[in-house]
Amino acid sequence: MGSRNQHRVPPRPASAPPEVSVHVLSEHLFCPRSAILTQEMGDDKGEDEPQLGPKLPSFADFSEHQFVDELQSLWGKFRLWMTLIAPAIALAVVLWRLVSPLAGLAGSLPLFYFLARLWDNVNMIVRVAREHRIMRAAEPTPVNLDSELIQEINWWSLRKDGFDCEKPVEAYRNSERGLRGRPWRVLSKGDLRIPVIRQHRGERLWRPKHVVRIAAYCRLIESCEGARAPFGVLLFGRSWNCVIIPNTAAARSQLDRALHDVREFLRIQLNGKFVPTAPTDNRCRGCDWGEPRPYVRNKSETVLNGNPLVPLQTRASDKLTYHSTCGDRFYWVPPHEAAIDLGIAEQR
């Protein structure tokens, strides 16, 4: 965000409360065990759940100019691979006819490599062109800054109302309130700075933890940048649907209560061997911490605070052995929907 990334951090008073991550704060509202895992997993990136798999590229912060530049770059690479394929074919044919079929097969390896890169390039062109069309088709939709209602909106309609999108390079910190966090993106327009959080999977619903998380990021932005943050945005994965969550007085009050509760929880957690009770409802069904994954030695281990945990392995109906992050940390099998399907956990 250019110069705006240099956040003002007030000097820490002697009586300042201990610093709490916004992500830990919001996860505590969902599940105390999730709060502990979030605390031990590491940095806050504004994601609503951990990225346990490969990340896909996002075009959320692209502008019209960036889409055009990206397409031009991809078409340039397409021409390059097509140019390289022709001599690769000629080489394979010459070796096949003048040397031996085996030499021809060996000489065709560069051709297979160029074809694979060309295929990846074509797929990326199609994806970028599709996203560009979606962006261009969206109509600008102004946001009512005075509304206290949660509103649904299209991401590109919001962006076309004049909001630039930037990725914070460092966390915001408010030492006086003992709060730190980094939203996934920040939208800027005039004196407005709008935090954006993202939910990759699960139901496209907003919950109390999202309201508190948005209120916390708004508080950090207002204190660190001196800007206005009257609302935040929750963007859902695999779509351009999002919701506007206002930073209301009720949300700020809920944030204060949540801060008090999570600090007391962390104090108890640090002072002993307290283990939060396992949930008895169905919140584990879609929780990423409890999603089972096949155990692969020296590859799939859970690492918290930089230390790998001994996995709690459970053999499933498909004869494979599974474990999960929450299961390894708290030594149980969370009733995630995938674990229920595999027969290693019971429905609740």
Protein backbone atom coordinates (compact mmCIF):
# COMPACT_ATOMS: atom_id res chain seq x y z
CA MET A 1 0.00 0.00 0.00
CA GLY A 2 2.95 2.31 -0.58
CA SER A 3 3.50 4.74 2.25
CA ARG A 4 0.29 3.60 3.92
CA ASN A 5 2.01 0.34 4.84
CA GLN A 6 4.08 2.19 7.41
CA HIS A 7 1.46 2.00 10.13
CA ARG A 8 1.68 4.31 13.09
CA VAL A 9 2.20 2.25 16.25
CA PRO A 10 1.60 4.23 19.46
CA PRO A 11 4.10 3.69 22.28
CA ARG A 12 3.03 0.86 24.55
CA PRO A 13 1.88 2.09 27.98
CA ALA A 14 3.18 0.29 31.04
CA SER A 15 -0.34 -0.92 31.83
CA ALA A 16 -1.19 -1.97 28.27
CA PRO A 17 -3.03 -5.31 27.94
CA PRO A 18 -1.26 -8.31 26.38
CA GLU A 19 -1.38 -8.33 22.58
CA VAL A 20 -4.02 -10.52 20.93
CA SER A 21 -4.25 -11.54 17.28
CA VAL A 22 -7.50 -10.65 15.52
CA HIS A 23 -7.63 -14.15 14.05
CA VAL A 24 -7.31 -15.80 17.46
CA LEU A 25 -9.96 -13.43 18.79
CA SER A 26 -12.50 -14.33 16.12
CA GLU A 27 -11.76 -18.06 16.24
CA HIS A 28 -12.35 -18.08 20.00
CA LEU A 29 -15.95 -17.12 19.28
CA PHE A 30 -16.24 -20.15 17.01
CA CYS A 31 -14.37 -22.72 19.14
CA PRO A 32 -11.76 -22.40 21.94
CA ARG A 33 -9.77 -25.28 20.44
CA SER A 34 -9.69 -23.44 17.12
CA ALA A 35 -8.36 -20.36 18.95
CA ILE A 36 -5.46 -22.36 20.39
CA LEU A 37 -4.62 -23.88 17.00
CA THR A 38 -4.76 -20.46 15.36
CA GLN A 39 -2.49 -19.03 18.06
CA GLU A 40 0.03 -21.83 17.62
CA MET A 41 -0.13 -21.91 13.82
CA GLY A 42 1.29 -18.44 13.27
CA ASP A 43 0.70 -15.20 11.38
CA ASP A 44 -2.67 -13.63 10.61
CA LYS A 45 -3.25 -13.31 6.86
CA GLY A 46 -6.92 -12.37 6.90
CA GLU A 47 -8.02 -15.84 5.81
CA ASP A 48 -11.01 -17.38 7.52
CA GLU A 49 -9.45 -20.83 7.65
CA PRO A 50 -5.95 -22.27 7.32
CA GLN A 51 -4.45 -22.81 3.89
CA LEU A 52 -3.50 -26.47 4.28
CA GLY A 53 -3.20 -27.09 0.56
CA PRO A 54 -1.75 -25.28 -2.48
CA LYS A 55 -2.89 -21.72 -3.00
CA LEU A 56 -4.60 -20.72 -6.22
CA PRO A 57 -3.85 -17.31 -7.76
CA SER A 58 -6.42 -14.65 -7.00
CA PHE A 59 -7.50 -11.86 -9.31
CA ALA A 60 -9.40 -9.97 -6.60
CA ASP A 61 -6.91 -7.09 -6.53
CA PHE A 62 -6.60 -6.80 -10.33
CA SER A 63 -7.60 -3.64 -12.14
CA GLU A 64 -8.69 -3.35 -15.78
CA HIS A 65 -5.13 -2.40 -16.70
CA GLN A 66 -3.67 -5.41 -14.87
CA PHE A 67 -6.05 -7.82 -16.62
CA VAL A 68 -4.99 -6.43 -20.02
CA ASP A 69 -1.29 -6.65 -19.11
CA GLU A 70 -1.68 -10.22 -17.84
CA LEU A 71 -3.44 -11.34 -21.01
CA GLN A 72 -0.78 -9.73 -23.19
CA SER A 73 1.94 -11.48 -21.19
CA LEU A 74 0.17 -14.84 -21.48
CA TRP A 75 -0.30 -14.47 -25.24
CA GLY A 76 3.40 -13.68 -25.52
CA LYS A 77 4.24 -16.92 -23.71
CA PHE A 78 1.77 -18.77 -25.96
CA ARG A 79 3.65 -17.58 -29.05
CA LEU A 80 6.95 -18.58 -27.45
CA TRP A 81 5.84 -22.16 -26.74
CA MET A 82 4.33 -22.51 -30.23
CA THR A 83 7.63 -21.32 -31.71
CA LEU A 84 9.59 -23.87 -29.71
CA ILE A 85 7.26 -26.75 -30.54
CA ALA A 86 8.03 -26.68 -34.28
CA PRO A 87 11.81 -27.39 -33.99
CA ALA A 88 11.11 -29.91 -31.21
CA ILE A 89 8.87 -31.86 -33.60
CA ALA A 90 11.50 -31.68 -36.34
CA LEU A 91 14.20 -32.95 -33.96
CA ALA A 92 12.08 -35.93 -32.87
CA VAL A 93 11.25 -36.85 -36.50
CA VAL A 94 14.88 -36.62 -37.64
CA LEU A 95 16.13 -38.81 -34.78
CA TRP A 96 13.33 -41.34 -35.39
CA ARG A 97 14.14 -41.72 -39.09
CA LEU A 98 17.93 -41.30 -39.17
CA VAL A 99 18.95 -42.90 -35.88
CA SER A 100 16.33 -45.16 -34.31
CA PRO A 101 12.77 -45.09 -32.95
CA LEU A 102 14.25 -45.19 -29.44
CA ALA A 103 16.35 -42.10 -30.18
CA GLY A 104 13.25 -40.45 -31.60
CA LEU A 105 11.33 -41.10 -28.38
CA ALA A 106 14.20 -39.72 -26.31
CA GLY A 107 14.42 -36.69 -28.56
CA SER A 108 10.71 -36.04 -28.14
CA LEU A 109 11.06 -35.26 -24.43
CA PRO A 110 11.52 -31.51 -25.07
CA LEU A 111 8.39 -31.64 -27.22
CA PHE A 112 6.34 -33.14 -24.38
CA TYR A 113 7.68 -30.46 -22.02
CA PHE A 114 6.75 -27.64 -24.41
CA LEU A 115 3.29 -29.13 -24.97
CA ALA A 116 2.70 -29.33 -21.21
CA ARG A 117 3.72 -25.71 -20.76
CA LEU A 118 1.53 -24.70 -23.69
CA TRP A 119 -1.44 -26.52 -22.15
CA ASP A 120 -0.93 -24.75 -18.81
CA ASN A 121 -0.60 -21.45 -20.66
CA VAL A 122 -3.84 -21.96 -22.61
CA ASN A 123 -5.73 -22.87 -19.42
CA MET A 124 -4.45 -19.70 -17.75
CA ILE A 125 -5.47 -17.57 -20.75
CA VAL A 126 -8.98 -19.01 -20.56
CA ARG A 127 -9.18 -18.38 -16.81
CA VAL A 128 -7.91 -14.80 -16.97
CA ALA A 129 -10.15 -13.98 -19.94
CA ARG A 130 -13.17 -15.39 -18.08
CA GLU A 131 -12.45 -13.36 -14.94
CA HIS A 132 -11.86 -10.27 -17.07
CA ARG A 133 -15.28 -10.69 -18.72
CA ILE A 134 -16.94 -11.05 -15.31
CA MET A 135 -15.24 -7.89 -14.08
CA ARG A 136 -16.22 -5.88 -17.17
CA ALA A 137 -19.86 -7.05 -16.98
CA ALA A 138 -20.31 -5.88 -13.37
CA GLU A 139 -22.21 -2.65 -12.74
CA PRO A 140 -20.89 -0.12 -10.17
CA THR A 141 -22.83 -0.36 -6.90
CA PRO A 142 -22.37 2.39 -4.29
CA VAL A 143 -22.36 1.36 -0.63
CA ASN A 144 -24.57 3.20 1.84
CA LEU A 145 -22.00 4.19 4.49
CA ASP A 146 -24.73 5.03 7.01
CA SER A 147 -26.54 1.69 6.78
CA GLU A 148 -26.30 -0.67 9.75
CA LEU A 149 -27.60 -3.62 7.74
CA ILE A 150 -25.46 -6.39 6.33
CA GLN A 151 -25.69 -6.21 2.54
CA GLU A 152 -24.85 -8.67 -0.22
CA ILE A 153 -22.86 -7.31 -3.14
CA ASN A 154 -20.73 -8.42 -6.08
CA TRP A 155 -17.00 -7.88 -5.57
CA TRP A 156 -16.48 -6.25 -8.95
CA SER A 157 -19.52 -4.02 -8.51
CA LEU A 158 -17.93 -2.80 -5.28
CA ARG A 159 -14.53 -2.33 -6.92
CA LYS A 160 -16.08 -0.39 -9.81
CA ASP A 161 -17.46 2.14 -7.34
CA GLY A 162 -13.91 3.49 -7.15
CA PHE A 163 -12.19 1.23 -4.63
CA ASP A 164 -8.57 0.27 -5.20
CA CYS A 165 -7.47 -3.05 -3.71
CA GLU A 166 -4.12 -3.53 -1.98
CA LYS A 167 -2.44 -6.26 0.04
CA PRO A 168 -1.03 -5.15 3.42
CA VAL A 169 2.61 -6.14 3.70
CA GLU A 170 2.67 -6.02 7.49
CA ALA A 171 0.29 -6.35 10.39
CA TYR A 172 -1.50 -3.42 11.97
CA ARG A 173 -0.80 -2.99 15.68
CA ASN A 174 -2.58 -1.01 18.38
CA SER A 175 -0.43 -1.29 21.50
CA GLU A 176 -2.83 0.66 23.70
CA ARG A 177 -5.59 -1.87 23.09
CA GLY A 178 -3.27 -4.86 22.75
CA LEU A 179 -4.52 -5.83 19.30
CA ARG A 180 -2.75 -6.83 16.10
CA GLY A 181 -3.84 -8.24 12.77
CA ARG A 182 -3.52 -8.10 9.02
CA PRO A 183 -6.62 -8.27 6.81
CA TRP A 184 -6.41 -10.23 3.57
CA ARG A 185 -6.80 -7.04 1.51
CA VAL A 186 -7.61 -3.37 2.12
CA LEU A 187 -9.87 -1.36 -0.19
CA SER A 188 -9.10 2.35 -0.45
CA LYS A 189 -11.16 5.25 -1.74
CA GLY A 190 -10.53 8.81 -0.58
CA ASP A 191 -10.24 8.71 3.21
CA LEU A 192 -11.87 5.27 3.39
CA ARG A 193 -9.84 2.16 4.22
CA ILE A 194 -11.95 -1.00 4.14
CA PRO A 195 -10.66 -4.33 5.51
CA VAL A 196 -11.40 -7.46 3.48
CA ILE A 197 -11.39 -11.00 4.86
CA ARG A 198 -11.88 -14.15 2.83
CA GLN A 199 -13.64 -17.44 3.46
CA HIS A 200 -12.43 -20.15 1.09
CA ARG A 201 -14.83 -22.99 1.72
CA GLY A 202 -17.98 -23.94 3.55
CA GLU A 203 -21.37 -22.30 3.54
CA ARG A 204 -21.57 -18.75 2.26
CA LEU A 205 -22.79 -17.38 5.55
CA TRP A 206 -21.58 -14.68 7.89
CA ARG A 207 -21.29 -15.47 11.58
CA PRO A 208 -20.61 -13.52 14.80
CA LYS A 209 -16.89 -14.22 14.47
CA HIS A 210 -16.89 -12.39 11.12
CA VAL A 211 -18.61 -9.36 12.67
CA VAL A 212 -16.03 -9.22 15.46
CA ARG A 213 -13.13 -9.75 13.10
CA ILE A 214 -14.28 -6.94 10.81
CA ALA A 215 -14.78 -4.62 13.81
CA ALA A 216 -11.26 -5.43 15.03
CA TYR A 217 -9.64 -4.69 11.67
CA CYS A 218 -11.64 -1.47 11.39
CA ARG A 219 -10.37 -0.41 14.82
CA LEU A 220 -6.79 -1.18 13.83
CA ILE A 221 -7.02 0.70 10.53
CA GLU A 222 -8.60 3.75 12.15
CA SER A 223 -5.98 3.90 14.90
CA CYS A 224 -2.95 3.15 12.69
CA GLU A 225 -3.86 5.10 9.56
CA GLY A 226 -6.24 7.75 10.88
CA ALA A 227 -8.65 6.73 8.12
CA ARG A 228 -12.36 5.94 8.17
CA ALA A 229 -13.40 2.28 8.23
CA PRO A 230 -17.22 2.27 8.42
CA PHE A 231 -17.55 -1.32 7.18
CA GLY A 232 -15.63 -4.41 6.15
CA VAL A 233 -16.04 -7.00 3.42
CA LEU A 234 -16.33 -10.78 3.70
CA LEU A 235 -15.44 -12.34 0.34
CA PHE A 236 -16.45 -15.94 -0.33
CA GLY A 237 -14.13 -18.34 -2.14
CA ARG A 238 -14.78 -19.71 -5.64
CA SER A 239 -17.16 -16.85 -6.39
CA TRP A 240 -17.30 -13.07 -6.46
CA ASN A 241 -20.08 -12.93 -3.90
CA CYS A 242 -19.37 -10.95 -0.76
CA VAL A 243 -21.17 -9.21 2.07
CA ILE A 244 -20.75 -5.75 3.54
CA ILE A 245 -20.52 -5.93 7.35
CA PRO A 246 -20.99 -2.50 8.98
CA ASN A 247 -18.72 -1.42 11.82
CA THR A 248 -21.63 -0.53 14.09
CA ALA A 249 -21.65 0.44 17.77
CA ALA A 250 -23.08 -3.00 18.54
CA ALA A 251 -20.20 -4.66 16.64
CA ARG A 252 -17.64 -2.57 18.52
CA SER A 253 -19.26 -3.48 21.84
CA GLN A 254 -19.20 -7.15 20.85
CA LEU A 255 -15.51 -6.74 20.02
CA ASP A 256 -14.75 -5.35 23.49
CA ARG A 257 -16.51 -8.28 25.16
CA ALA A 258 -14.74 -10.77 22.92
CA LEU A 259 -11.35 -9.20 23.72
CA HIS A 260 -12.00 -9.51 27.46
CA ASP A 261 -13.10 -13.14 27.11
CA VAL A 262 -10.20 -14.25 24.90
CA ARG A 263 -7.60 -12.62 27.17
CA GLU A 264 -9.02 -14.47 30.16
CA PHE A 265 -9.04 -17.69 28.13
CA LEU A 266 -5.41 -17.26 27.02
CA ARG A 267 -4.34 -16.39 30.57
CA ILE A 268 -5.81 -19.66 31.85
CA GLN A 269 -4.32 -21.55 28.91
CA LEU A 270 -0.81 -20.20 29.53
CA ASN A 271 -0.88 -20.79 33.28
CA GLY A 272 -1.57 -24.51 33.16
CA LYS A 273 -2.48 -27.61 31.19
CA PHE A 274 -6.08 -26.58 30.60
CA VAL A 275 -7.62 -28.32 27.56
CA PRO A 276 -10.91 -26.88 26.26
CA THR A 277 -13.80 -29.31 26.17
CA ALA A 278 -14.50 -30.86 22.79
CA PRO A 279 -17.57 -29.40 21.04
CA THR A 280 -20.74 -31.41 21.44
CA ASP A 281 -22.63 -29.84 18.51
CA ASN A 282 -21.99 -30.08 14.75
CA ARG A 283 -19.51 -27.19 14.37
CA CYS A 284 -16.72 -29.68 13.62
CA ARG A 285 -18.43 -30.94 10.45
CA GLY A 286 -16.92 -28.24 8.24
CA CYS A 287 -13.93 -27.12 10.32
CA ASP A 288 -10.65 -27.32 8.42
CA TRP A 289 -8.65 -28.07 11.57
CA GLY A 290 -10.51 -31.38 11.91
CA GLU A 291 -10.49 -32.42 8.26
CA PRO A 292 -8.74 -35.82 7.99
CA ARG A 293 -5.79 -36.22 5.66
CA PRO A 294 -3.81 -39.35 4.76
CA TYR A 295 -0.76 -39.81 6.95
CA VAL A 296 2.51 -39.55 5.01
CA ARG A 297 5.61 -39.88 7.13
CA ASN A 298 7.76 -36.72 7.23
CA LYS A 299 5.29 -34.89 4.98
CA SER A 300 1.84 -34.60 6.55
CA GLU A 301 2.80 -34.01 10.18
CA THR A 302 1.12 -31.19 12.09
CA VAL A 303 3.59 -28.44 12.95
CA LEU A 304 2.62 -25.97 15.70
CA ASN A 305 4.94 -23.35 17.16
CA GLY A 306 7.61 -24.77 14.84
CA ASN A 307 7.41 -28.25 16.40
CA PRO A 308 6.00 -31.36 14.66
CA LEU A 309 3.42 -33.29 16.69
CA VAL A 310 3.12 -37.05 17.02
CA PRO A 311 0.13 -37.82 14.79
CA LEU A 312 -2.98 -39.56 16.09
CA GLN A 313 -3.47 -42.09 13.31
CA THR A 314 -6.77 -43.80 12.59
CA ARG A 315 -7.34 -46.48 9.94
CA ALA A 316 -10.37 -45.79 7.77
CA SER A 317 -12.70 -47.96 5.70
CA ASP A 318 -10.51 -47.41 2.61
CA LYS A 319 -7.57 -49.08 4.47
CA LEU A 320 -5.60 -45.81 4.60
CA THR A 321 -4.43 -44.15 7.82
CA TYR A 322 -5.67 -40.62 8.52
CA HIS A 323 -5.01 -37.84 11.00
CA SER A 324 -5.94 -34.16 11.41
CA THR A 325 -4.46 -31.02 12.90
CA CYS A 326 -7.04 -30.78 15.69
CA GLY A 327 -6.82 -34.52 16.30
CA ASP A 328 -3.03 -34.42 16.64
CA ARG A 329 -3.15 -31.42 18.98
CA PHE A 330 -5.95 -32.59 21.29
CA TYR A 331 -5.64 -36.35 20.75
CA TRP A 332 -9.12 -37.12 19.47
CA VAL A 333 -10.91 -37.71 16.16
CA PRO A 334 -13.02 -34.62 15.35
CA PRO A 335 -16.42 -35.47 13.82
CA HIS A 336 -15.65 -33.71 10.53
CA GLU A 337 -18.01 -34.68 7.69
CA ALA A 338 -15.13 -36.34 5.82
CA ALA A 339 -14.17 -38.33 8.94
CA ILE A 340 -17.78 -39.48 9.28
CA ASP A 341 -17.81 -40.59 5.64
CA LEU A 342 -14.56 -42.51 6.19
CA GLY A 343 -16.02 -44.26 9.23
CA ILE A 344 -13.43 -42.93 11.70
CA ALA A 345 -15.86 -40.61 13.54
CA GLU A 346 -19.49 -40.77 14.54
CA GLN A 347 -22.24 -38.36 13.55
CA ARG A 348 -23.34 -35.94 16.29
